[in-house]
Amino acid sequence: MSSSRTVARTTGVAIRAMLVLTLVLGVGYTLVVTGIGQLLMPFQANGSPLADDKGSSLIGQSFTDADGEALPEYFQSRPSAAGDGYDGAGSSGSNLGPENPDLVASIGERQAAIAEREGVSPDAVPADAVTASGSGLDPHISVAYALLQVPRVAEERGLPEQQVRDLVESRIQGRDLGFLGEERINVAELNLALDEQEG
């Protein structure tokens, strides 16, 4: 009798503890953290949205037509290996090693296509223009890749090349904490700024 009473008492304590901890940690903690995020960093807490709900500044976008061809009036992003391209549900790299023949061939094809589109030698094409990031979602390109695209974008939009170059240079984001990574440019934000300048 005393053994069954102990089991019942222990079970009751365990159930009450689970309910209290679920409310405190599962509901209360979540509400507190969400509230702090909304109060201190609402832009980041809401997904870092671009103007007019045109995506997030944290996830890259493709600037291509229905056939996958680059839209010449826009700066192009780096390639994406995530799903059909910049698919958050399929985030990943290609997982191919640097000597994989398929990867080497696709890099060569991309390099030739970009060199032709931009009117430069294949050696002038930066590495980020032909390789995907580890997540496949990177929204940034190098400053070198952005500047390489300036003449084409300026010509397609009928804008002075210096005006487009100045816009690119005004969008350069510095290294994280002043020393981590490289300077970079968010392509979607740059293209939105370009549309606003033209409009």
N, C-alpha and C. Protein backbone atom coordinates (compact mmCIF):
# COMPACT_ATOMS: atom_id res chain seq x y z
N MET A 1 0.83 -1.20 0.00
CA MET A 1 0.00 0.00 0.00
C MET A 1 0.87 1.26 0.00
N SER A 2 1.89 1.27 0.84
CA SER A 2 2.76 2.42 0.93
C SER A 2 3.57 2.59 -0.33
N SER A 3 3.92 1.46 -0.98
CA SER A 3 4.67 1.52 -2.23
C SER A 3 3.83 2.15 -3.33
N SER A 4 2.56 1.80 -3.45
CA SER A 4 1.70 2.37 -4.50
C SER A 4 1.41 3.84 -4.21
N ARG A 5 1.34 4.22 -2.93
CA ARG A 5 1.13 5.62 -2.57
C ARG A 5 2.37 6.44 -2.95
N THR A 6 3.55 5.89 -2.77
CA THR A 6 4.78 6.57 -3.14
C THR A 6 4.86 6.77 -4.65
N VAL A 7 4.48 5.72 -5.40
CA VAL A 7 4.48 5.83 -6.87
C VAL A 7 3.49 6.89 -7.32
N ALA A 8 2.30 6.91 -6.73
CA ALA A 8 1.27 7.89 -7.11
C ALA A 8 1.74 9.31 -6.77
N ARG A 9 2.36 9.44 -5.60
CA ARG A 9 2.84 10.77 -5.19
C ARG A 9 3.97 11.24 -6.11
N THR A 10 4.91 10.36 -6.42
CA THR A 10 6.03 10.69 -7.30
C THR A 10 5.52 11.05 -8.70
N THR A 11 4.54 10.29 -9.19
CA THR A 11 3.96 10.58 -10.50
C THR A 11 3.27 11.94 -10.51
N GLY A 12 2.54 12.26 -9.44
CA GLY A 12 1.86 13.56 -9.33
C GLY A 12 2.85 14.71 -9.32
N VAL A 13 3.95 14.54 -8.56
CA VAL A 13 5.00 15.57 -8.52
C VAL A 13 5.63 15.75 -9.89
N ALA A 14 5.91 14.64 -10.57
CA ALA A 14 6.53 14.71 -11.91
C ALA A 14 5.62 15.42 -12.90
N ILE A 15 4.34 15.13 -12.85
CA ILE A 15 3.38 15.76 -13.79
C ILE A 15 3.28 17.26 -13.50
N ARG A 16 3.19 17.64 -12.23
CA ARG A 16 3.12 19.07 -11.88
C ARG A 16 4.41 19.80 -12.29
N ALA A 17 5.55 19.16 -12.04
CA ALA A 17 6.83 19.78 -12.43
C ALA A 17 6.90 19.96 -13.94
N MET A 18 6.45 18.95 -14.69
CA MET A 18 6.46 19.05 -16.16
C MET A 18 5.57 20.21 -16.62
N LEU A 19 4.38 20.34 -16.04
CA LEU A 19 3.46 21.41 -16.44
C LEU A 19 4.04 22.79 -16.10
N VAL A 20 4.59 22.93 -14.90
CA VAL A 20 5.16 24.22 -14.50
C VAL A 20 6.36 24.57 -15.38
N LEU A 21 7.26 23.62 -15.60
CA LEU A 21 8.44 23.89 -16.42
C LEU A 21 8.06 24.15 -17.88
N THR A 22 7.03 23.47 -18.38
CA THR A 22 6.57 23.72 -19.75
C THR A 22 6.07 25.15 -19.88
N LEU A 23 5.30 25.61 -18.88
CA LEU A 23 4.79 26.98 -18.93
C LEU A 23 5.92 28.00 -18.78
N VAL A 24 6.83 27.76 -17.83
CA VAL A 24 7.90 28.71 -17.59
C VAL A 24 8.90 28.74 -18.73
N LEU A 25 9.41 27.56 -19.14
CA LEU A 25 10.46 27.51 -20.15
C LEU A 25 9.92 27.47 -21.58
N GLY A 26 8.81 26.79 -21.79
CA GLY A 26 8.27 26.66 -23.15
C GLY A 26 7.50 27.88 -23.60
N VAL A 27 6.74 28.49 -22.68
CA VAL A 27 5.91 29.64 -23.04
C VAL A 27 6.54 30.95 -22.56
N GLY A 28 6.81 31.02 -21.26
CA GLY A 28 7.34 32.26 -20.68
C GLY A 28 8.66 32.69 -21.29
N TYR A 29 9.62 31.78 -21.35
CA TYR A 29 10.94 32.09 -21.90
C TYR A 29 10.83 32.55 -23.35
N THR A 30 10.01 31.85 -24.14
CA THR A 30 9.83 32.19 -25.55
C THR A 30 9.26 33.60 -25.69
N LEU A 31 8.26 33.92 -24.87
CA LEU A 31 7.67 35.27 -24.94
C LEU A 31 8.67 36.35 -24.54
N VAL A 32 9.48 36.09 -23.51
CA VAL A 32 10.47 37.07 -23.07
C VAL A 32 11.52 37.30 -24.15
N VAL A 33 12.06 36.22 -24.72
CA VAL A 33 13.10 36.35 -25.75
C VAL A 33 12.54 37.04 -26.99
N THR A 34 11.32 36.68 -27.40
CA THR A 34 10.69 37.31 -28.55
C THR A 34 10.46 38.80 -28.28
N GLY A 35 9.99 39.13 -27.09
CA GLY A 35 9.76 40.53 -26.73
C GLY A 35 11.04 41.34 -26.74
N ILE A 36 12.13 40.77 -26.18
CA ILE A 36 13.41 41.47 -26.17
C ILE A 36 13.90 41.69 -27.61
N GLY A 37 13.75 40.66 -28.45
CA GLY A 37 14.15 40.78 -29.85
C GLY A 37 13.37 41.88 -30.57
N GLN A 38 12.06 41.92 -30.36
CA GLN A 38 11.23 42.93 -31.01
C GLN A 38 11.55 44.33 -30.49
N LEU A 39 11.91 44.41 -29.22
CA LEU A 39 12.20 45.71 -28.61
C LEU A 39 13.56 46.25 -29.03
N LEU A 40 14.59 45.39 -28.98
CA LEU A 40 15.95 45.85 -29.23
C LEU A 40 16.37 45.78 -30.69
N MET A 41 15.89 44.78 -31.44
CA MET A 41 16.32 44.59 -32.83
C MET A 41 15.12 44.16 -33.70
N PRO A 42 14.12 45.02 -33.86
CA PRO A 42 12.92 44.60 -34.61
C PRO A 42 13.21 44.23 -36.07
N PHE A 43 14.14 44.91 -36.72
CA PHE A 43 14.45 44.62 -38.12
C PHE A 43 14.97 43.19 -38.26
N GLN A 44 15.94 42.82 -37.43
CA GLN A 44 16.51 41.48 -37.48
C GLN A 44 15.51 40.43 -37.00
N ALA A 45 14.75 40.74 -35.95
CA ALA A 45 13.80 39.78 -35.39
C ALA A 45 12.68 39.44 -36.38
N ASN A 46 12.40 40.35 -37.29
CA ASN A 46 11.34 40.11 -38.28
C ASN A 46 11.87 39.59 -39.60
N GLY A 47 13.13 39.16 -39.65
CA GLY A 47 13.68 38.52 -40.84
C GLY A 47 14.44 39.45 -41.76
N SER A 48 14.78 40.65 -41.31
CA SER A 48 15.54 41.62 -42.12
C SER A 48 14.91 41.83 -43.49
N PRO A 49 13.62 42.25 -43.54
CA PRO A 49 12.93 42.38 -44.82
C PRO A 49 13.45 43.55 -45.66
N LEU A 50 13.45 43.34 -46.98
CA LEU A 50 13.79 44.41 -47.91
C LEU A 50 12.57 45.29 -48.12
N ALA A 51 12.77 46.45 -48.70
CA ALA A 51 11.68 47.39 -48.96
C ALA A 51 10.58 46.72 -49.80
N ASP A 52 9.35 47.07 -49.51
CA ASP A 52 8.18 46.58 -50.25
C ASP A 52 8.08 45.05 -50.25
N ASP A 53 8.54 44.43 -49.17
CA ASP A 53 8.46 42.96 -49.02
C ASP A 53 9.04 42.22 -50.22
N LYS A 54 10.20 42.67 -50.69
CA LYS A 54 10.84 42.02 -51.85
C LYS A 54 11.89 41.03 -51.41
N GLY A 55 11.64 40.35 -50.30
CA GLY A 55 12.56 39.34 -49.81
C GLY A 55 13.25 39.79 -48.54
N SER A 56 14.30 39.06 -48.19
CA SER A 56 15.08 39.34 -47.00
C SER A 56 16.50 39.71 -47.40
N SER A 57 17.09 40.63 -46.66
CA SER A 57 18.47 41.01 -46.97
C SER A 57 19.45 39.91 -46.54
N LEU A 58 18.95 38.87 -45.88
CA LEU A 58 19.81 37.78 -45.41
C LEU A 58 19.88 36.61 -46.38
N ILE A 59 18.99 36.58 -47.37
CA ILE A 59 18.94 35.46 -48.32
C ILE A 59 19.08 36.00 -49.73
N GLY A 60 19.99 35.41 -50.49
CA GLY A 60 20.22 35.84 -51.86
C GLY A 60 19.02 35.62 -52.76
N GLN A 61 19.06 36.24 -53.91
CA GLN A 61 18.00 36.10 -54.91
C GLN A 61 18.63 35.95 -56.29
N SER A 62 17.88 35.30 -57.18
CA SER A 62 18.33 35.20 -58.56
C SER A 62 17.74 36.36 -59.35
N PHE A 63 18.52 36.93 -60.22
CA PHE A 63 18.05 38.00 -61.11
C PHE A 63 18.15 37.47 -62.53
N THR A 64 17.27 36.50 -62.81
CA THR A 64 17.28 35.81 -64.09
C THR A 64 15.86 35.76 -64.65
N ASP A 65 15.76 35.44 -65.95
CA ASP A 65 14.45 35.29 -66.56
C ASP A 65 13.94 33.86 -66.35
N ALA A 66 12.80 33.54 -66.97
CA ALA A 66 12.18 32.22 -66.79
C ALA A 66 13.07 31.09 -67.29
N ASP A 67 13.97 31.38 -68.22
CA ASP A 67 14.87 30.35 -68.75
C ASP A 67 16.18 30.26 -67.97
N GLY A 68 16.31 31.07 -66.91
CA GLY A 68 17.52 31.04 -66.12
C GLY A 68 18.64 31.93 -66.66
N GLU A 69 18.34 32.72 -67.68
CA GLU A 69 19.34 33.63 -68.25
C GLU A 69 19.41 34.92 -67.43
N ALA A 70 20.60 35.43 -67.24
CA ALA A 70 20.80 36.64 -66.45
C ALA A 70 20.06 37.83 -67.06
N LEU A 71 19.37 38.59 -66.21
CA LEU A 71 18.73 39.83 -66.66
C LEU A 71 19.84 40.87 -66.76
N PRO A 72 20.14 41.37 -67.95
CA PRO A 72 21.33 42.23 -68.14
C PRO A 72 21.26 43.56 -67.43
N GLU A 73 20.07 44.03 -67.06
CA GLU A 73 19.96 45.33 -66.39
C GLU A 73 20.17 45.24 -64.88
N TYR A 74 20.42 44.03 -64.38
CA TYR A 74 20.62 43.83 -62.94
C TYR A 74 22.00 43.25 -62.65
N PHE A 75 22.52 43.58 -61.47
CA PHE A 75 23.73 42.94 -60.97
C PHE A 75 23.37 41.50 -60.65
N GLN A 76 24.27 40.60 -60.96
CA GLN A 76 24.01 39.17 -60.76
C GLN A 76 24.60 38.69 -59.44
N SER A 77 23.89 37.76 -58.81
CA SER A 77 24.34 37.15 -57.57
C SER A 77 25.33 36.03 -57.88
N ARG A 78 25.93 35.49 -56.84
CA ARG A 78 26.79 34.32 -57.04
C ARG A 78 25.89 33.10 -57.23
N PRO A 79 26.40 32.01 -57.78
CA PRO A 79 25.57 30.83 -57.99
C PRO A 79 25.05 30.27 -56.66
N SER A 80 23.96 29.53 -56.73
CA SER A 80 23.40 28.90 -55.54
C SER A 80 23.20 27.42 -55.79
N ALA A 81 23.60 26.60 -54.83
CA ALA A 81 23.38 25.15 -54.93
C ALA A 81 22.20 24.73 -54.07
N ALA A 82 21.46 25.69 -53.52
CA ALA A 82 20.33 25.39 -52.63
C ALA A 82 19.05 25.16 -53.43
N GLY A 83 18.64 23.92 -53.54
CA GLY A 83 17.42 23.58 -54.27
C GLY A 83 17.48 24.09 -55.70
N ASP A 84 16.45 24.83 -56.10
CA ASP A 84 16.43 25.43 -57.44
C ASP A 84 17.12 26.78 -57.46
N GLY A 85 17.81 27.11 -56.39
CA GLY A 85 18.51 28.39 -56.29
C GLY A 85 17.92 29.25 -55.20
N TYR A 86 18.70 29.50 -54.16
CA TYR A 86 18.31 30.33 -53.03
C TYR A 86 17.03 29.82 -52.37
N ASP A 87 16.89 28.50 -52.30
CA ASP A 87 15.75 27.85 -51.67
C ASP A 87 16.12 27.57 -50.21
N GLY A 88 15.51 28.32 -49.29
CA GLY A 88 15.84 28.16 -47.88
C GLY A 88 15.62 26.75 -47.36
N ALA A 89 14.64 26.04 -47.93
CA ALA A 89 14.37 24.68 -47.49
C ALA A 89 15.44 23.71 -47.98
N GLY A 90 16.17 24.08 -49.02
CA GLY A 90 17.20 23.20 -49.58
C GLY A 90 18.59 23.75 -49.38
N SER A 91 18.79 24.49 -48.30
CA SER A 91 20.07 25.16 -48.06
C SER A 91 21.22 24.16 -47.97
N SER A 92 22.19 24.33 -48.86
CA SER A 92 23.41 23.52 -48.80
C SER A 92 24.33 23.95 -49.93
N GLY A 93 25.56 23.50 -49.84
CA GLY A 93 26.50 23.68 -50.94
C GLY A 93 26.37 22.49 -51.88
N SER A 94 27.23 22.42 -52.86
CA SER A 94 27.17 21.31 -53.82
C SER A 94 27.75 20.03 -53.23
N ASN A 95 28.56 20.18 -52.16
CA ASN A 95 29.25 19.05 -51.52
C ASN A 95 30.20 18.34 -52.46
N LEU A 96 30.66 19.02 -53.48
CA LEU A 96 31.66 18.46 -54.40
C LEU A 96 33.04 18.99 -54.00
N GLY A 97 34.02 18.10 -54.01
CA GLY A 97 35.38 18.49 -53.67
C GLY A 97 36.00 19.36 -54.74
N PRO A 98 37.07 20.08 -54.42
CA PRO A 98 37.67 21.02 -55.37
C PRO A 98 38.24 20.37 -56.63
N GLU A 99 38.47 19.07 -56.61
CA GLU A 99 39.01 18.39 -57.79
C GLU A 99 37.96 17.54 -58.49
N ASN A 100 36.71 17.66 -58.05
CA ASN A 100 35.64 16.89 -58.68
C ASN A 100 35.46 17.37 -60.12
N PRO A 101 35.47 16.45 -61.10
CA PRO A 101 35.38 16.87 -62.50
C PRO A 101 34.10 17.63 -62.84
N ASP A 102 32.98 17.28 -62.19
CA ASP A 102 31.72 17.99 -62.46
C ASP A 102 31.81 19.44 -61.97
N LEU A 103 32.39 19.62 -60.78
CA LEU A 103 32.54 20.97 -60.25
C LEU A 103 33.50 21.79 -61.10
N VAL A 104 34.62 21.21 -61.47
CA VAL A 104 35.61 21.91 -62.30
C VAL A 104 34.98 22.32 -63.63
N ALA A 105 34.19 21.41 -64.23
CA ALA A 105 33.54 21.71 -65.51
C ALA A 105 32.51 22.84 -65.36
N SER A 106 31.69 22.78 -64.29
CA SER A 106 30.66 23.82 -64.12
C SER A 106 31.30 25.18 -63.83
N ILE A 107 32.41 25.19 -63.09
CA ILE A 107 33.11 26.46 -62.84
C ILE A 107 33.65 27.02 -64.15
N GLY A 108 34.23 26.16 -64.98
CA GLY A 108 34.74 26.60 -66.28
C GLY A 108 33.64 27.17 -67.16
N GLU A 109 32.47 26.51 -67.17
CA GLU A 109 31.34 26.99 -67.97
C GLU A 109 30.85 28.35 -67.46
N ARG A 110 30.71 28.46 -66.15
CA ARG A 110 30.27 29.75 -65.57
C ARG A 110 31.27 30.86 -65.86
N GLN A 111 32.54 30.53 -65.73
CA GLN A 111 33.60 31.52 -65.97
C GLN A 111 33.54 32.03 -67.41
N ALA A 112 33.38 31.11 -68.36
CA ALA A 112 33.30 31.50 -69.77
C ALA A 112 32.05 32.33 -70.04
N ALA A 113 30.92 31.92 -69.45
CA ALA A 113 29.66 32.66 -69.68
C ALA A 113 29.74 34.07 -69.10
N ILE A 114 30.29 34.21 -67.90
CA ILE A 114 30.40 35.53 -67.28
C ILE A 114 31.38 36.40 -68.04
N ALA A 115 32.51 35.81 -68.46
CA ALA A 115 33.50 36.58 -69.23
C ALA A 115 32.87 37.11 -70.51
N GLU A 116 32.07 36.29 -71.18
CA GLU A 116 31.41 36.73 -72.42
C GLU A 116 30.38 37.82 -72.13
N ARG A 117 29.57 37.61 -71.08
CA ARG A 117 28.53 38.59 -70.74
C ARG A 117 29.12 39.94 -70.35
N GLU A 118 30.24 39.91 -69.63
CA GLU A 118 30.83 41.16 -69.14
C GLU A 118 31.88 41.73 -70.08
N GLY A 119 32.25 40.97 -71.12
CA GLY A 119 33.25 41.45 -72.08
C GLY A 119 34.65 41.54 -71.51
N VAL A 120 35.02 40.54 -70.69
CA VAL A 120 36.35 40.52 -70.09
C VAL A 120 36.99 39.16 -70.34
N SER A 121 38.25 39.04 -69.98
CA SER A 121 38.93 37.75 -70.09
C SER A 121 38.47 36.84 -68.95
N PRO A 122 38.43 35.52 -69.17
CA PRO A 122 38.02 34.59 -68.10
C PRO A 122 38.84 34.75 -66.82
N ASP A 123 40.10 35.15 -66.96
CA ASP A 123 40.96 35.33 -65.78
C ASP A 123 40.51 36.49 -64.90
N ALA A 124 39.71 37.40 -65.45
CA ALA A 124 39.27 38.58 -64.69
C ALA A 124 38.02 38.28 -63.85
N VAL A 125 37.44 37.09 -64.00
CA VAL A 125 36.21 36.74 -63.28
C VAL A 125 36.57 36.31 -61.85
N PRO A 126 36.04 36.99 -60.82
CA PRO A 126 36.36 36.63 -59.44
C PRO A 126 35.80 35.26 -59.05
N ALA A 127 36.41 34.64 -58.06
CA ALA A 127 36.01 33.29 -57.63
C ALA A 127 34.57 33.23 -57.16
N ASP A 128 34.08 34.26 -56.47
CA ASP A 128 32.71 34.19 -55.96
C ASP A 128 31.67 34.26 -57.07
N ALA A 129 32.06 34.68 -58.26
CA ALA A 129 31.13 34.73 -59.39
C ALA A 129 30.82 33.35 -59.93
N VAL A 130 31.70 32.39 -59.65
CA VAL A 130 31.54 31.05 -60.25
C VAL A 130 31.36 29.94 -59.22
N THR A 131 31.41 30.26 -57.93
CA THR A 131 31.25 29.25 -56.89
C THR A 131 30.13 29.63 -55.93
N ALA A 132 29.39 28.63 -55.49
CA ALA A 132 28.32 28.86 -54.52
C ALA A 132 28.90 28.93 -53.11
N SER A 133 28.19 29.59 -52.21
CA SER A 133 28.61 29.62 -50.81
C SER A 133 28.24 28.29 -50.15
N GLY A 134 28.72 28.07 -48.95
CA GLY A 134 28.44 26.82 -48.25
C GLY A 134 26.96 26.59 -48.01
N SER A 135 26.21 27.65 -47.75
CA SER A 135 24.76 27.51 -47.51
C SER A 135 23.97 27.55 -48.80
N GLY A 136 24.55 28.14 -49.84
CA GLY A 136 23.81 28.35 -51.08
C GLY A 136 22.86 29.52 -51.00
N LEU A 137 22.88 30.27 -49.89
CA LEU A 137 21.93 31.36 -49.68
C LEU A 137 22.58 32.73 -49.55
N ASP A 138 23.89 32.80 -49.71
CA ASP A 138 24.62 34.04 -49.47
C ASP A 138 24.10 35.17 -50.35
N PRO A 139 23.67 36.30 -49.73
CA PRO A 139 23.14 37.42 -50.51
C PRO A 139 24.21 38.39 -51.01
N HIS A 140 25.48 38.11 -50.70
CA HIS A 140 26.55 39.06 -51.01
C HIS A 140 27.44 38.60 -52.16
N ILE A 141 28.04 39.59 -52.81
CA ILE A 141 29.11 39.32 -53.77
C ILE A 141 30.29 40.20 -53.39
N SER A 142 31.44 39.86 -53.94
CA SER A 142 32.64 40.67 -53.66
C SER A 142 32.53 42.01 -54.38
N VAL A 143 33.28 42.97 -53.88
CA VAL A 143 33.33 44.29 -54.51
C VAL A 143 33.86 44.13 -55.94
N ALA A 144 34.84 43.25 -56.12
CA ALA A 144 35.43 43.04 -57.46
C ALA A 144 34.37 42.55 -58.45
N TYR A 145 33.50 41.62 -58.02
CA TYR A 145 32.47 41.10 -58.92
C TYR A 145 31.43 42.18 -59.23
N ALA A 146 31.09 43.01 -58.26
CA ALA A 146 30.14 44.10 -58.51
C ALA A 146 30.72 45.10 -59.50
N LEU A 147 31.98 45.49 -59.29
CA LEU A 147 32.60 46.47 -60.18
C LEU A 147 32.77 45.93 -61.59
N LEU A 148 32.98 44.62 -61.72
CA LEU A 148 33.09 43.99 -63.03
C LEU A 148 31.79 44.16 -63.83
N GLN A 149 30.66 44.20 -63.12
CA GLN A 149 29.35 44.27 -63.78
C GLN A 149 28.88 45.69 -64.09
N VAL A 150 29.58 46.69 -63.56
CA VAL A 150 29.16 48.09 -63.71
C VAL A 150 28.95 48.49 -65.17
N PRO A 151 29.92 48.26 -66.09
CA PRO A 151 29.73 48.73 -67.48
C PRO A 151 28.47 48.15 -68.13
N ARG A 152 28.21 46.86 -67.93
CA ARG A 152 27.03 46.22 -68.54
C ARG A 152 25.75 46.82 -67.99
N VAL A 153 25.64 46.95 -66.67
CA VAL A 153 24.42 47.47 -66.05
C VAL A 153 24.19 48.91 -66.48
N ALA A 154 25.25 49.72 -66.50
CA ALA A 154 25.12 51.13 -66.90
C ALA A 154 24.63 51.23 -68.34
N GLU A 155 25.21 50.40 -69.22
CA GLU A 155 24.81 50.44 -70.63
C GLU A 155 23.35 50.00 -70.80
N GLU A 156 22.96 48.92 -70.13
CA GLU A 156 21.59 48.41 -70.26
C GLU A 156 20.56 49.41 -69.75
N ARG A 157 20.91 50.16 -68.73
CA ARG A 157 19.97 51.11 -68.13
C ARG A 157 20.10 52.51 -68.71
N GLY A 158 21.09 52.72 -69.56
CA GLY A 158 21.28 54.04 -70.14
C GLY A 158 21.73 55.06 -69.11
N LEU A 159 22.50 54.62 -68.13
CA LEU A 159 22.99 55.51 -67.08
C LEU A 159 24.49 55.74 -67.26
N PRO A 160 25.00 56.87 -66.79
CA PRO A 160 26.46 57.08 -66.84
C PRO A 160 27.16 56.01 -65.98
N GLU A 161 28.24 55.47 -66.50
CA GLU A 161 28.97 54.42 -65.80
C GLU A 161 29.44 54.89 -64.42
N GLN A 162 29.85 56.14 -64.31
CA GLN A 162 30.34 56.65 -63.03
C GLN A 162 29.22 56.69 -61.99
N GLN A 163 28.00 56.98 -62.43
CA GLN A 163 26.86 57.02 -61.51
C GLN A 163 26.62 55.63 -60.92
N VAL A 164 26.68 54.62 -61.78
CA VAL A 164 26.48 53.24 -61.31
C VAL A 164 27.64 52.81 -60.41
N ARG A 165 28.86 53.19 -60.78
CA ARG A 165 30.04 52.86 -59.96
C ARG A 165 29.93 53.52 -58.58
N ASP A 166 29.48 54.78 -58.54
CA ASP A 166 29.31 55.47 -57.26
C ASP A 166 28.26 54.77 -56.39
N LEU A 167 27.19 54.29 -57.03
CA LEU A 167 26.16 53.56 -56.29
C LEU A 167 26.73 52.28 -55.69
N VAL A 168 27.51 51.55 -56.48
CA VAL A 168 28.14 50.33 -55.98
C VAL A 168 29.04 50.66 -54.79
N GLU A 169 29.87 51.68 -54.93
CA GLU A 169 30.82 52.02 -53.86
C GLU A 169 30.10 52.51 -52.60
N SER A 170 28.92 53.10 -52.76
CA SER A 170 28.17 53.54 -51.58
C SER A 170 27.52 52.38 -50.85
N ARG A 171 27.44 51.22 -51.48
CA ARG A 171 26.79 50.04 -50.90
C ARG A 171 27.78 49.03 -50.32
N ILE A 172 29.05 49.35 -50.31
CA ILE A 172 30.06 48.42 -49.78
C ILE A 172 29.89 48.27 -48.28
N GLN A 173 29.79 47.03 -47.83
CA GLN A 173 29.70 46.72 -46.40
C GLN A 173 31.08 46.27 -45.93
N GLY A 174 31.53 46.84 -44.83
CA GLY A 174 32.87 46.54 -44.32
C GLY A 174 32.98 45.14 -43.72
N ARG A 175 34.19 44.83 -43.29
CA ARG A 175 34.44 43.54 -42.64
C ARG A 175 33.70 43.48 -41.30
N ASP A 176 33.24 42.29 -40.92
CA ASP A 176 32.59 42.12 -39.62
C ASP A 176 33.59 42.41 -38.52
N LEU A 177 33.17 43.19 -37.54
CA LEU A 177 34.00 43.61 -36.41
C LEU A 177 35.28 44.31 -36.86
N GLY A 178 35.31 44.75 -38.11
CA GLY A 178 36.45 45.49 -38.62
C GLY A 178 37.60 44.65 -39.14
N PHE A 179 37.55 43.30 -38.92
CA PHE A 179 38.68 42.48 -39.37
C PHE A 179 38.28 41.09 -39.86
N LEU A 180 37.03 40.69 -39.71
CA LEU A 180 36.62 39.36 -40.15
C LEU A 180 36.01 39.39 -41.55
N GLY A 181 36.41 38.46 -42.40
CA GLY A 181 35.86 38.37 -43.74
C GLY A 181 36.38 39.45 -44.66
N GLU A 182 35.65 39.66 -45.75
CA GLU A 182 36.03 40.64 -46.77
C GLU A 182 34.94 41.67 -46.92
N GLU A 183 35.28 42.79 -47.53
CA GLU A 183 34.25 43.76 -47.89
C GLU A 183 33.33 43.11 -48.90
N ARG A 184 32.05 43.46 -48.86
CA ARG A 184 31.07 42.79 -49.71
C ARG A 184 29.91 43.73 -50.02
N ILE A 185 29.06 43.28 -50.95
CA ILE A 185 27.90 44.07 -51.36
C ILE A 185 26.69 43.15 -51.41
N ASN A 186 25.58 43.60 -50.82
CA ASN A 186 24.34 42.85 -50.86
C ASN A 186 23.69 43.13 -52.22
N VAL A 187 23.55 42.08 -53.03
CA VAL A 187 23.09 42.26 -54.42
C VAL A 187 21.65 42.74 -54.49
N ALA A 188 20.76 42.16 -53.69
CA ALA A 188 19.35 42.56 -53.74
C ALA A 188 19.20 44.03 -53.34
N GLU A 189 19.89 44.44 -52.28
CA GLU A 189 19.82 45.85 -51.86
C GLU A 189 20.38 46.78 -52.93
N LEU A 190 21.46 46.35 -53.58
CA LEU A 190 22.06 47.16 -54.66
C LEU A 190 21.09 47.30 -55.82
N ASN A 191 20.46 46.20 -56.23
CA ASN A 191 19.51 46.26 -57.34
C ASN A 191 18.27 47.10 -57.01
N LEU A 192 17.80 47.02 -55.75
CA LEU A 192 16.68 47.87 -55.34
C LEU A 192 17.07 49.34 -55.40
N ALA A 193 18.26 49.66 -54.94
CA ALA A 193 18.75 51.05 -54.98
C ALA A 193 18.88 51.52 -56.43
N LEU A 194 19.29 50.62 -57.30
CA LEU A 194 19.42 50.95 -58.72
C LEU A 194 18.06 51.25 -59.33
N ASP A 195 17.05 50.44 -59.00
CA ASP A 195 15.69 50.68 -59.48
C ASP A 195 15.15 52.02 -58.99
N GLU A 196 15.44 52.35 -57.72
CA GLU A 196 14.97 53.61 -57.16
C GLU A 196 15.64 54.81 -57.84
N GLN A 197 16.92 54.67 -58.15
CA GLN A 197 17.65 55.76 -58.82
C GLN A 197 17.08 56.03 -60.21
N GLU A 198 16.70 54.94 -60.85
CA GLU A 198 16.21 55.08 -62.23
C GLU A 198 14.78 55.59 -62.26
N GLY A 199 14.00 55.27 -61.21
CA GLY A 199 12.58 55.59 -61.19
C GLY A 199 12.28 56.96 -60.82
